[in-house]
């Protein structure tokens, strides 16, 4: 999980391609670092963290 480690009401966050995770610039969020390290295009997160990812806010 990206932040809160909740096992209830989980969602799967998808990205289109792995190259999108390695863009240069500002500090990457923790969920991006996890996906890049695992080399996976999906990440299982709780509902609240999934909403935060799409809103560009920090996860719990």
C-alpha atoms as a PDB file:
ATOM      1  CA  UNK A   1       0.000   0.000   0.000  1.00  0.00           C
ATOM      2  CA  UNK A   2       1.126   3.527  -0.615  1.00  0.00           C
ATOM      3  CA  UNK A   3       0.467   5.095   2.721  1.00  0.00           C
ATOM      4  CA  UNK A   4      -2.131   4.041   5.266  1.00  0.00           C
ATOM      5  CA  UNK A   5      -1.848   0.226   4.981  1.00  0.00           C
ATOM      6  CA  UNK A   6      -5.634  -0.154   5.113  1.00  0.00           C
ATOM      7  CA  UNK A   7      -6.974  -3.471   3.866  1.00  0.00           C
ATOM      8  CA  UNK A   8     -10.600  -2.353   3.595  1.00  0.00           C
ATOM      9  CA  UNK A   9     -12.309  -0.932   0.508  1.00  0.00           C
ATOM     10  CA  UNK A  10      -9.198  -1.218  -1.657  1.00  0.00           C
ATOM     11  CA  UNK A  11      -8.842   0.066  -5.226  1.00  0.00           C
ATOM     12  CA  UNK A  12      -6.239  -0.532  -7.913  1.00  0.00           C
ATOM     13  CA  UNK A  13      -4.474   2.570  -9.224  1.00  0.00           C
ATOM     14  CA  UNK A  14      -3.347   2.230 -12.867  1.00  0.00           C
ATOM     15  CA  UNK A  15      -0.945   4.226 -14.993  1.00  0.00           C
ATOM     16  CA  UNK A  16      -0.613   4.041 -18.775  1.00  0.00           C
ATOM     17  CA  UNK A  17       3.105   3.379 -19.009  1.00  0.00           C
ATOM     18  CA  UNK A  18       6.076   2.970 -16.692  1.00  0.00           C
ATOM     19  CA  UNK A  19       7.954   5.784 -18.406  1.00  0.00           C
ATOM     20  CA  UNK A  20       5.409   8.205 -16.908  1.00  0.00           C
ATOM     21  CA  UNK A  21       6.809   7.408 -13.442  1.00  0.00           C
ATOM     22  CA  UNK A  22      10.338   8.544 -14.285  1.00  0.00           C
ATOM     23  CA  UNK A  23       9.671  12.118 -15.346  1.00  0.00           C
ATOM     24  CA  UNK A  24      12.253  14.647 -14.203  1.00  0.00           C
ATOM     25  CA  UNK A  25      11.325  17.615 -12.086  1.00  0.00           C
ATOM     26  CA  UNK A  26      10.006  17.992  -8.578  1.00  0.00           C
ATOM     27  CA  UNK A  27      10.085  15.388  -5.807  1.00  0.00           C
ATOM     28  CA  UNK A  28       7.968  12.364  -6.659  1.00  0.00           C
ATOM     29  CA  UNK A  29       5.222  11.205  -4.260  1.00  0.00           C
ATOM     30  CA  UNK A  30       5.785   8.010  -2.292  1.00  0.00           C
ATOM     31  CA  UNK A  31       3.273   6.032  -4.395  1.00  0.00           C
ATOM     32  CA  UNK A  32       5.229   6.889  -7.564  1.00  0.00           C
ATOM     33  CA  UNK A  33       8.488   5.722  -5.970  1.00  0.00           C
ATOM     34  CA  UNK A  34       6.845   2.441  -4.919  1.00  0.00           C
ATOM     35  CA  UNK A  35       5.463   1.763  -8.405  1.00  0.00           C
ATOM     36  CA  UNK A  36       8.777   2.658 -10.068  1.00  0.00           C
ATOM     37  CA  UNK A  37      10.776   0.451  -7.695  1.00  0.00           C
ATOM     38  CA  UNK A  38       8.437  -2.481  -8.315  1.00  0.00           C
ATOM     39  CA  UNK A  39       8.303  -1.746 -12.053  1.00  0.00           C
ATOM     40  CA  UNK A  40       4.523  -2.187 -11.995  1.00  0.00           C
ATOM     41  CA  UNK A  41       1.776  -0.197 -13.680  1.00  0.00           C
ATOM     42  CA  UNK A  42      -0.710  -0.951 -10.896  1.00  0.00           C
ATOM     43  CA  UNK A  43      -0.782  -0.313  -7.151  1.00  0.00           C
ATOM     44  CA  UNK A  44      -3.408  -1.467  -4.644  1.00  0.00           C
ATOM     45  CA  UNK A  45      -4.424   1.369  -2.304  1.00  0.00           C
ATOM     46  CA  UNK A  46      -7.382   2.161  -0.070  1.00  0.00           C
ATOM     47  CA  UNK A  47     -10.266   4.237  -1.415  1.00  0.00           C
ATOM     48  CA  UNK A  48      -9.130   7.411   0.373  1.00  0.00           C
ATOM     49  CA  UNK A  49      -5.532   7.130  -0.854  1.00  0.00           C
ATOM     50  CA  UNK A  50      -6.791   6.456  -4.385  1.00  0.00           C
ATOM     51  CA  UNK A  51      -8.855   9.654  -4.286  1.00  0.00           C
ATOM     52  CA  UNK A  52      -5.834  11.569  -2.938  1.00  0.00           C
ATOM     53  CA  UNK A  53      -3.605  10.273  -5.763  1.00  0.00           C
ATOM     54  CA  UNK A  54      -6.059  11.482  -8.413  1.00  0.00           C
ATOM     55  CA  UNK A  55      -6.478  14.828  -6.623  1.00  0.00           C
ATOM     56  CA  UNK A  56      -2.702  15.342  -6.453  1.00  0.00           C
ATOM     57  CA  UNK A  57      -2.778  15.349  -2.660  1.00  0.00           C
ATOM     58  CA  UNK A  58      -0.559  13.404  -0.235  1.00  0.00           C
ATOM     59  CA  UNK A  59      -1.709   9.912   0.693  1.00  0.00           C
ATOM     60  CA  UNK A  60      -2.279   8.885   4.298  1.00  0.00           C
END
